[in-house]
Amino acid sequence: MNFDLDPAYLAIQARARELARAVEPIAAEADDMSTVHPGVLAALQKSGLSALMVPAAYGGSAPRPDPLAICLVREALMATSAHLDSLFALQGIGSYAITVAGSDAQRSRWLPRVAKAEALAALALTEDQAGSDLKGVATELAESADGLRLHGSKSFISNGGAAAFYIVFAKEPAGYTMVLVPADTPGVSVTPTPEIIAPHVLAELSFDNVKLPAEARLGGPGGGLDLVLATLAVFRVSVAGAAVGLARAALEEAVRHTRQRVQFGRPLARLGPVAQMLADCWTEIEMARLLTYRAASLAVNDPAAALHHSSMAKLAATEAASRVVDRCVQMMGRYGLVRNSKIERLYRQARPMRIYEGASEVLRLGIARQLTEEVR
C-alpha cells in the first residue's frame, strides 16, 4: 500500500502552499475582517485554484471536483489564513448543487465565474430555529402563476452579503428543495450577523416573497435533502484537511517557541512535560492526516458511499486540532495569550470547526448509526 501522494496531487499541494505564502503578509489583517479582503480575493483569483471546484466542461481543472485535491489545498491555506481558506472552500460548497442539478443555462452562467472566483458562492441552510436539524426550516417555496415565490430568512450564512448568488434550502408541499437565488434579486436583503470569536464573512438573509422563475428550483421538487447530502459527501472531508493544517501551524509555532525559550537551564522542548505535549501533538496530527487522506481518497471514487468515513475524518481532525492548539498555547505560556499573535488566532479559529458542517455530537450519531447497520 502506497501512502505517498502522486505527482498530480503534489503539484496541487505546491500551488496551494505558494498561494498561502503570497497571502501570509496580510493574513492577520484578513483574518480579523468580517468582509472580503480584496488582497486575499485577488490572490485567490490569480492562483486559479478555484477551478478545482468546477467541472472541466465549465472552466474547471478536472472532470469533477476532487475531494482529495480540495482537502490538500485547504490544509495548506488554513495553516496561513482562515479567511483565505473560507473563500476557497465556499466556491465549492456554495456552487456544487448547480454542478449536480443545475440546468445547462445555470451552469453556463455561474460556474465559469465561480471557477475564476469572479462570482462568490454561498449555501444558505441555517435558520434561527434550524441548525443541525434541517427539517426544521421555515423558509417556504411556493408555486405561483408566474413561477415561484420564496419567503423566509436564513442565519449565519457564510459569504452572506458578498456572494453573487445563494443556493437556498426551503420547504414546499413536495418536501425540501434547493433554489438558486441571484443576490441582486428584488426582495433579497442582508444584515450583519453578530461577530463570532473568529471573524468570518457572515450575514443574515431575508427573502420577502422573492419572485423567481420556475427553473430556479435545482432538481425536482423535494430533492433538496439529496443535494445537501451530495454537497457534504464531497466537501465535509475538506474541513478535516483544514483542521490538520491549523493543527500543524499551531504545533510549528509551539516548536519554535519551546526550542528557543530557556527555563531551568535548558530549552522548554527538553523539559519532560513539554516534550510529552510536543510528541502527543505531532502524533495526533499525523493520525488525523492519515484518516483524512484516506477518507478523501475514498470520496474521489464514490463520495456518497464514503460519507461516514468523511464524517469520521471531520470529527477526528477537528477534535484533535482543538486539543493540539490548546496544548500549544499552554506550552507557550503568556506568549500564547498575546492578542492577534498567530497562536491566539489559531486558538480562536479552531473552536468553530467542531460546529460547522456537522457538529461533533451530530457526527457521532451518524457514525454510530452506520456502524450498527454494518455489524451483523
Protein backbone atom coordinates (compact mmCIF):
# COMPACT_ATOMS: atom_id res chain seq x y z
CA MET A 1 0.00 0.00 0.00
CA ASN A 2 1.46 3.34 -1.09
CA PHE A 3 0.77 6.24 1.26
CA ASP A 4 2.55 8.84 -0.90
CA LEU A 5 0.68 11.41 -2.97
CA ASP A 6 1.10 11.05 -6.70
CA PRO A 7 2.74 13.86 -8.74
CA ALA A 8 -0.54 15.48 -9.78
CA TYR A 9 -1.61 15.92 -6.15
CA LEU A 10 1.85 17.10 -5.13
CA ALA A 11 1.65 19.77 -7.82
CA ILE A 12 -1.71 20.97 -6.47
CA GLN A 13 -0.31 20.98 -2.95
CA ALA A 14 2.67 23.06 -4.12
CA ARG A 15 0.37 25.61 -5.78
CA ALA A 16 -1.66 25.89 -2.58
CA ARG A 17 1.45 26.44 -0.48
CA GLU A 18 2.58 29.11 -2.94
CA LEU A 19 -0.75 30.90 -2.56
CA ALA A 20 -0.51 30.66 1.23
CA ARG A 21 2.97 32.23 1.16
CA ALA A 22 1.71 35.06 -1.04
CA VAL A 23 -1.10 35.86 1.41
CA GLU A 24 0.93 35.49 4.61
CA PRO A 25 1.87 39.22 4.91
CA ILE A 26 -1.82 40.18 5.00
CA ALA A 27 -3.19 37.07 6.74
CA ALA A 28 -3.60 38.63 10.19
CA GLU A 29 -5.40 41.63 8.76
CA ALA A 30 -7.69 39.47 6.63
CA ASP A 31 -8.47 37.04 9.45
CA ASP A 32 -9.72 39.94 11.56
CA MET A 33 -12.26 41.03 8.92
CA SER A 34 -15.93 40.24 8.52
CA THR A 35 -15.94 41.44 4.92
CA VAL A 36 -13.97 40.10 1.98
CA HIS A 37 -10.35 41.21 1.98
CA PRO A 38 -9.65 42.44 -1.57
CA GLY A 39 -5.99 41.41 -1.47
CA VAL A 40 -6.80 37.86 -0.42
CA LEU A 41 -9.52 37.57 -3.05
CA ALA A 42 -7.17 38.87 -5.74
CA ALA A 43 -4.53 36.32 -4.72
CA LEU A 44 -7.08 33.50 -4.87
CA GLN A 45 -8.20 34.64 -8.30
CA LYS A 46 -4.62 34.80 -9.56
CA SER A 47 -3.85 31.31 -8.25
CA GLY A 48 -6.56 29.66 -10.36
CA LEU A 49 -7.22 27.17 -7.57
CA SER A 50 -10.96 27.84 -7.51
CA ALA A 51 -11.10 25.92 -10.79
CA LEU A 52 -10.85 22.77 -8.66
CA MET A 53 -14.44 23.41 -7.57
CA VAL A 54 -15.99 23.26 -11.04
CA PRO A 55 -16.18 20.55 -13.75
CA ALA A 56 -13.81 20.99 -16.66
CA ALA A 57 -16.73 21.46 -19.02
CA TYR A 58 -17.44 24.79 -17.30
CA GLY A 59 -13.93 26.09 -16.79
CA GLY A 60 -12.74 23.73 -14.08
CA SER A 61 -9.44 21.89 -13.88
CA ALA A 62 -10.76 18.31 -13.61
CA PRO A 63 -13.78 16.33 -14.86
CA ARG A 64 -15.43 16.88 -11.47
CA PRO A 65 -14.45 18.32 -8.08
CA ASP A 66 -11.84 16.07 -6.47
CA PRO A 67 -12.21 15.75 -2.66
CA LEU A 68 -8.56 14.86 -2.09
CA ALA A 69 -7.28 17.80 -4.13
CA ILE A 70 -9.62 20.17 -2.29
CA CYS A 71 -8.54 18.67 1.02
CA LEU A 72 -4.85 19.26 0.25
CA VAL A 73 -5.49 22.87 -0.71
CA ARG A 74 -7.47 23.60 2.43
CA GLU A 75 -4.75 22.05 4.59
CA ALA A 76 -2.21 24.47 3.12
CA LEU A 77 -4.45 27.55 3.17
CA MET A 78 -5.83 27.15 6.69
CA ALA A 79 -2.31 26.97 8.09
CA THR A 80 -1.85 30.59 6.99
CA SER A 81 -5.27 32.26 6.77
CA ALA A 82 -8.76 31.19 7.77
CA HIS A 83 -10.12 33.97 5.56
CA LEU A 84 -8.37 32.55 2.51
CA ASP A 85 -9.44 29.01 3.36
CA SER A 86 -13.07 30.08 3.68
CA LEU A 87 -13.13 31.95 0.37
CA PHE A 88 -11.69 28.93 -1.40
CA ALA A 89 -13.91 26.34 0.28
CA LEU A 90 -17.15 28.20 -0.29
CA GLN A 91 -16.62 28.32 -4.03
CA GLY A 92 -17.32 24.61 -3.99
CA ILE A 93 -19.72 24.32 -1.09
CA GLY A 94 -21.87 27.13 -2.47
CA SER A 95 -21.92 26.00 -6.10
CA TYR A 96 -21.99 22.21 -6.01
CA ALA A 97 -25.78 22.00 -6.21
CA ILE A 98 -25.56 23.81 -9.56
CA THR A 99 -22.94 21.32 -10.74
CA VAL A 100 -25.14 18.39 -9.75
CA ALA A 101 -28.65 19.63 -10.54
CA GLY A 102 -28.44 22.92 -12.42
CA SER A 103 -29.64 23.41 -15.96
CA ASP A 104 -27.17 23.96 -18.79
CA ALA A 105 -28.07 27.65 -18.71
CA GLN A 106 -27.44 27.92 -14.96
CA ARG A 107 -24.14 26.07 -15.21
CA SER A 108 -23.00 28.17 -18.16
CA ARG A 109 -23.93 31.40 -16.41
CA TRP A 110 -22.42 30.76 -12.99
CA LEU A 111 -19.81 28.00 -12.95
CA PRO A 112 -17.17 29.65 -15.19
CA ARG A 113 -17.29 32.72 -12.91
CA VAL A 114 -17.06 30.51 -9.81
CA ALA A 115 -14.01 28.78 -11.32
CA LYS A 116 -12.27 32.15 -11.63
CA ALA A 117 -13.51 33.36 -8.20
CA GLU A 118 -15.18 36.24 -10.02
CA ALA A 119 -18.55 35.25 -8.54
CA LEU A 120 -18.52 34.24 -4.87
CA ALA A 121 -20.87 31.41 -3.92
CA ALA A 122 -22.95 30.75 -0.81
CA LEU A 123 -25.07 27.92 0.56
CA ALA A 124 -27.99 29.11 2.71
CA LEU A 125 -29.16 26.32 5.01
CA THR A 126 -29.21 27.53 8.62
CA GLU A 127 -32.07 29.42 10.28
CA ASP A 128 -32.67 30.72 13.79
CA GLN A 129 -34.61 27.57 14.69
CA ALA A 130 -32.93 25.15 12.26
CA GLY A 131 -29.28 24.24 12.61
CA SER A 132 -28.28 20.58 12.68
CA ASP A 133 -31.97 19.66 12.25
CA LEU A 134 -32.51 20.95 8.72
CA LYS A 135 -36.04 19.57 8.65
CA GLY A 136 -36.94 22.41 10.99
CA VAL A 137 -36.52 25.09 8.31
CA ALA A 138 -39.35 27.59 8.00
CA THR A 139 -38.34 29.25 4.72
CA GLU A 140 -41.02 28.42 2.16
CA LEU A 141 -41.02 28.00 -1.60
CA ALA A 142 -44.38 28.19 -3.29
CA GLU A 143 -45.52 27.94 -6.89
CA SER A 144 -47.29 30.96 -8.34
CA ALA A 145 -48.93 31.84 -11.61
CA ASP A 146 -45.70 33.31 -12.93
CA GLY A 147 -43.11 30.97 -11.39
CA LEU A 148 -42.01 30.59 -7.76
CA ARG A 149 -42.12 32.68 -4.61
CA LEU A 150 -39.57 32.40 -1.80
CA HIS A 151 -40.30 33.72 1.68
CA GLY A 152 -38.31 33.36 4.90
CA SER A 153 -34.91 34.03 6.39
CA LYS A 154 -31.52 32.42 6.88
CA SER A 155 -29.00 32.95 9.67
CA PHE A 156 -25.18 32.83 9.98
CA ILE A 157 -24.66 32.37 6.24
CA SER A 158 -21.03 32.26 5.12
CA ASN A 159 -20.29 34.73 2.30
CA GLY A 160 -23.57 36.45 3.10
CA GLY A 161 -23.52 39.93 1.61
CA ALA A 162 -20.51 39.07 -0.56
CA ALA A 163 -21.90 36.24 -2.68
CA ALA A 164 -23.16 36.72 -6.21
CA PHE A 165 -25.80 34.03 -5.64
CA TYR A 166 -27.30 31.91 -2.87
CA ILE A 167 -28.31 28.26 -3.01
CA VAL A 168 -31.26 28.33 -0.60
CA PHE A 169 -32.74 25.35 1.20
CA ALA A 170 -36.51 25.71 1.62
CA LYS A 171 -39.63 23.63 2.13
CA GLU A 172 -42.59 23.23 -0.19
CA PRO A 173 -45.55 20.83 -0.28
CA ALA A 174 -43.47 18.17 -2.06
CA GLY A 175 -40.73 18.29 0.58
CA TYR A 176 -37.44 20.14 0.87
CA THR A 177 -35.96 21.91 -2.12
CA MET A 178 -32.88 23.84 -3.22
CA VAL A 179 -33.39 27.02 -5.20
CA LEU A 180 -30.88 29.30 -6.95
CA VAL A 181 -31.29 32.97 -5.98
CA PRO A 182 -29.05 35.66 -7.54
CA ALA A 183 -28.02 38.10 -4.83
CA ASP A 184 -29.43 41.10 -6.68
CA THR A 185 -32.94 39.62 -6.94
CA PRO A 186 -35.58 42.08 -5.63
CA GLY A 187 -36.76 41.11 -2.16
CA VAL A 188 -33.40 39.75 -1.00
CA SER A 189 -31.94 41.74 1.90
CA VAL A 190 -28.82 41.29 4.01
CA THR A 191 -27.99 42.32 7.58
CA PRO A 192 -24.78 41.64 9.53
CA THR A 193 -24.51 38.60 11.79
CA PRO A 194 -23.18 39.23 15.33
CA GLU A 195 -19.39 38.94 15.41
CA ILE A 196 -18.09 35.48 16.31
CA ILE A 197 -14.86 34.65 18.12
CA ALA A 198 -13.01 34.10 14.84
CA PRO A 199 -14.17 36.86 12.43
CA HIS A 200 -15.80 35.47 9.33
CA VAL A 201 -17.81 36.76 6.35
CA LEU A 202 -21.30 36.06 7.71
CA ALA A 203 -24.74 37.61 7.29
CA GLU A 204 -28.43 37.17 7.96
CA LEU A 205 -30.53 36.83 4.80
CA SER A 206 -34.17 37.75 4.33
CA PHE A 207 -36.35 36.69 1.40
CA ASP A 208 -39.53 38.78 1.20
CA ASN A 209 -41.78 36.97 -1.28
CA VAL A 210 -38.91 36.83 -3.72
CA LYS A 211 -40.13 36.20 -7.26
CA LEU A 212 -38.18 33.50 -9.12
CA PRO A 213 -38.60 31.67 -12.41
CA ALA A 214 -39.73 28.06 -12.24
CA GLU A 215 -36.31 26.89 -13.43
CA ALA A 216 -34.66 28.40 -10.32
CA ARG A 217 -35.51 25.17 -8.50
CA LEU A 218 -32.50 22.85 -8.60
CA GLY A 219 -33.54 19.31 -9.32
CA GLY A 220 -37.12 18.24 -8.87
CA PRO A 221 -39.46 19.32 -6.07
CA GLY A 222 -38.47 17.61 -2.83
CA GLY A 223 -34.90 16.89 -3.89
CA GLY A 224 -33.23 19.38 -1.55
CA LEU A 225 -32.01 16.95 1.12
CA ASP A 226 -30.33 14.79 -1.51
CA LEU A 227 -28.45 17.85 -2.77
CA VAL A 228 -27.35 18.75 0.76
CA LEU A 229 -26.02 15.22 1.25
CA ALA A 230 -24.29 15.32 -2.14
CA THR A 231 -22.55 18.54 -1.17
CA LEU A 232 -21.48 17.18 2.22
CA ALA A 233 -20.22 13.99 0.60
CA VAL A 234 -17.69 15.96 -1.43
CA PHE A 235 -16.77 18.79 0.90
CA ARG A 236 -17.12 17.61 4.52
CA VAL A 237 -13.78 15.83 4.44
CA SER A 238 -12.10 19.07 3.35
CA VAL A 239 -12.92 20.52 6.78
CA ALA A 240 -10.74 17.76 8.20
CA GLY A 241 -7.97 18.84 5.86
CA ALA A 242 -8.26 22.43 7.08
CA ALA A 243 -8.18 21.23 10.70
CA VAL A 244 -4.98 19.28 10.04
CA GLY A 245 -3.42 22.39 8.53
CA LEU A 246 -4.43 24.52 11.50
CA ALA A 247 -3.09 21.99 13.99
CA ARG A 248 0.22 21.70 12.16
CA ALA A 249 0.60 25.50 12.10
CA ALA A 250 -0.06 25.67 15.84
CA LEU A 251 2.49 22.96 16.52
CA GLU A 252 5.13 24.73 14.45
CA GLU A 253 4.57 27.91 16.50
CA ALA A 254 4.99 25.93 19.70
CA VAL A 255 8.12 24.17 18.45
CA ARG A 256 9.79 27.46 17.55
CA HIS A 257 8.96 28.88 20.97
CA THR A 258 9.92 25.87 23.07
CA ARG A 259 13.17 25.37 21.18
CA GLN A 260 14.28 28.95 21.89
CA ARG A 261 12.76 29.61 25.30
CA VAL A 262 15.12 28.56 28.13
CA GLN A 263 13.79 27.71 31.59
CA PHE A 264 15.55 25.83 34.42
CA GLY A 265 18.76 25.88 32.40
CA ARG A 266 17.50 24.17 29.26
CA PRO A 267 15.12 24.79 26.31
CA LEU A 268 11.47 24.15 27.14
CA ALA A 269 11.38 21.46 24.46
CA ARG A 270 13.85 19.43 26.53
CA LEU A 271 11.73 19.54 29.69
CA GLY A 272 9.75 16.34 30.25
CA PRO A 273 6.16 17.63 30.37
CA VAL A 274 6.67 19.94 27.37
CA ALA A 275 8.41 17.22 25.35
CA GLN A 276 5.47 14.91 26.06
CA MET A 277 3.00 17.52 24.82
CA LEU A 278 5.03 18.08 21.64
CA ALA A 279 5.12 14.35 20.97
CA ASP A 280 1.40 13.95 21.61
CA CYS A 281 0.57 16.86 19.28
CA TRP A 282 2.67 15.53 16.42
CA THR A 283 1.25 12.03 16.83
CA GLU A 284 -2.36 13.25 16.84
CA ILE A 285 -1.79 15.40 13.77
CA GLU A 286 -0.32 12.50 11.81
CA MET A 287 -3.18 10.22 12.88
CA ALA A 288 -5.72 12.83 11.75
CA ARG A 289 -3.88 13.39 8.47
CA LEU A 290 -3.84 9.69 7.59
CA LEU A 291 -7.54 9.29 8.34
CA THR A 292 -8.33 12.46 6.38
CA TYR A 293 -6.35 11.49 3.30
CA ARG A 294 -7.88 8.02 3.31
CA ALA A 295 -11.41 9.38 3.59
CA ALA A 296 -10.75 11.92 0.85
CA SER A 297 -9.27 9.21 -1.40
CA LEU A 298 -12.39 7.09 -0.92
CA ALA A 299 -14.58 10.10 -1.67
CA VAL A 300 -12.82 10.64 -5.00
CA ASN A 301 -14.44 7.49 -6.39
CA ASP A 302 -17.78 7.46 -4.55
CA PRO A 303 -18.45 10.49 -2.32
CA ALA A 304 -21.82 9.26 -1.08
CA ALA A 305 -20.56 5.81 -0.07
CA ALA A 306 -17.60 7.37 1.74
CA LEU A 307 -19.64 9.93 3.69
CA HIS A 308 -19.31 8.10 7.02
CA HIS A 309 -15.54 8.00 6.51
CA SER A 310 -15.61 11.73 5.79
CA SER A 311 -17.63 12.25 8.94
CA MET A 312 -15.08 10.28 10.99
CA ALA A 313 -12.25 12.31 9.50
CA LYS A 314 -14.01 15.60 10.20
CA LEU A 315 -14.78 14.52 13.77
CA ALA A 316 -11.27 13.24 14.49
CA ALA A 317 -9.37 16.10 12.86
CA THR A 318 -11.37 18.98 14.33
CA GLU A 319 -11.34 17.48 17.82
CA ALA A 320 -7.60 16.84 17.51
CA ALA A 321 -7.00 20.39 16.29
CA SER A 322 -8.70 21.77 19.39
CA ARG A 323 -6.57 19.60 21.67
CA VAL A 324 -3.36 20.41 19.81
CA VAL A 325 -3.82 24.16 19.73
CA ASP A 326 -4.80 24.19 23.42
CA ARG A 327 -1.59 22.33 24.31
CA CYS A 328 0.42 24.71 22.14
CA VAL A 329 -0.96 27.76 23.95
CA GLN A 330 -0.10 26.05 27.24
CA MET A 331 3.46 25.36 26.11
CA MET A 332 3.91 28.98 25.05
CA GLY A 333 2.66 30.30 28.37
CA ARG A 334 1.93 34.01 28.45
CA TYR A 335 3.24 34.36 24.88
CA GLY A 336 0.41 32.14 23.73
CA LEU A 337 -2.12 34.62 25.12
CA VAL A 338 -0.96 37.68 23.19
CA ARG A 339 -3.88 39.14 21.29
CA ASN A 340 -3.58 38.77 17.49
CA SER A 341 -0.48 36.61 17.68
CA LYS A 342 -0.67 33.71 15.27
CA ILE A 343 -1.18 31.13 18.01
CA GLU A 344 -4.00 33.17 19.54
CA ARG A 345 -5.69 33.46 16.14
CA LEU A 346 -5.37 29.72 15.62
CA TYR A 347 -6.82 29.07 19.07
CA ARG A 348 -9.95 31.07 18.21
CA GLN A 349 -10.23 29.64 14.71
CA ALA A 350 -10.07 26.04 15.91
CA ARG A 351 -13.20 26.26 18.04
CA PRO A 352 -15.84 26.85 15.33
CA MET A 353 -14.56 23.91 13.29
CA ARG A 354 -16.17 21.47 15.73
CA ILE A 355 -19.56 23.06 15.00
CA TYR A 356 -19.92 23.93 11.33
CA GLU A 357 -20.60 21.36 8.56
CA GLY A 358 -21.68 18.84 11.15
CA ALA A 359 -21.28 19.39 14.88
CA SER A 360 -19.19 16.70 16.56
CA GLU A 361 -22.15 15.33 18.52
CA VAL A 362 -24.31 15.02 15.38
CA LEU A 363 -21.48 13.33 13.50
CA ARG A 364 -21.12 10.79 16.29
CA LEU A 365 -24.80 9.91 15.96
CA GLY A 366 -24.45 9.29 12.23
CA ILE A 367 -21.23 7.31 12.61
CA ALA A 368 -22.77 5.11 15.29
CA ARG A 369 -25.86 4.54 13.15
CA GLN A 370 -23.70 3.42 10.22
CA LEU A 371 -21.73 1.08 12.50
CA THR A 372 -24.83 -0.60 13.89
CA GLU A 373 -26.13 -1.18 10.35
CA GLU A 374 -22.86 -2.77 9.21
CA VAL A 375 -22.31 -5.14 12.12
CA ARG A 376 -24.44 -8.30 11.89
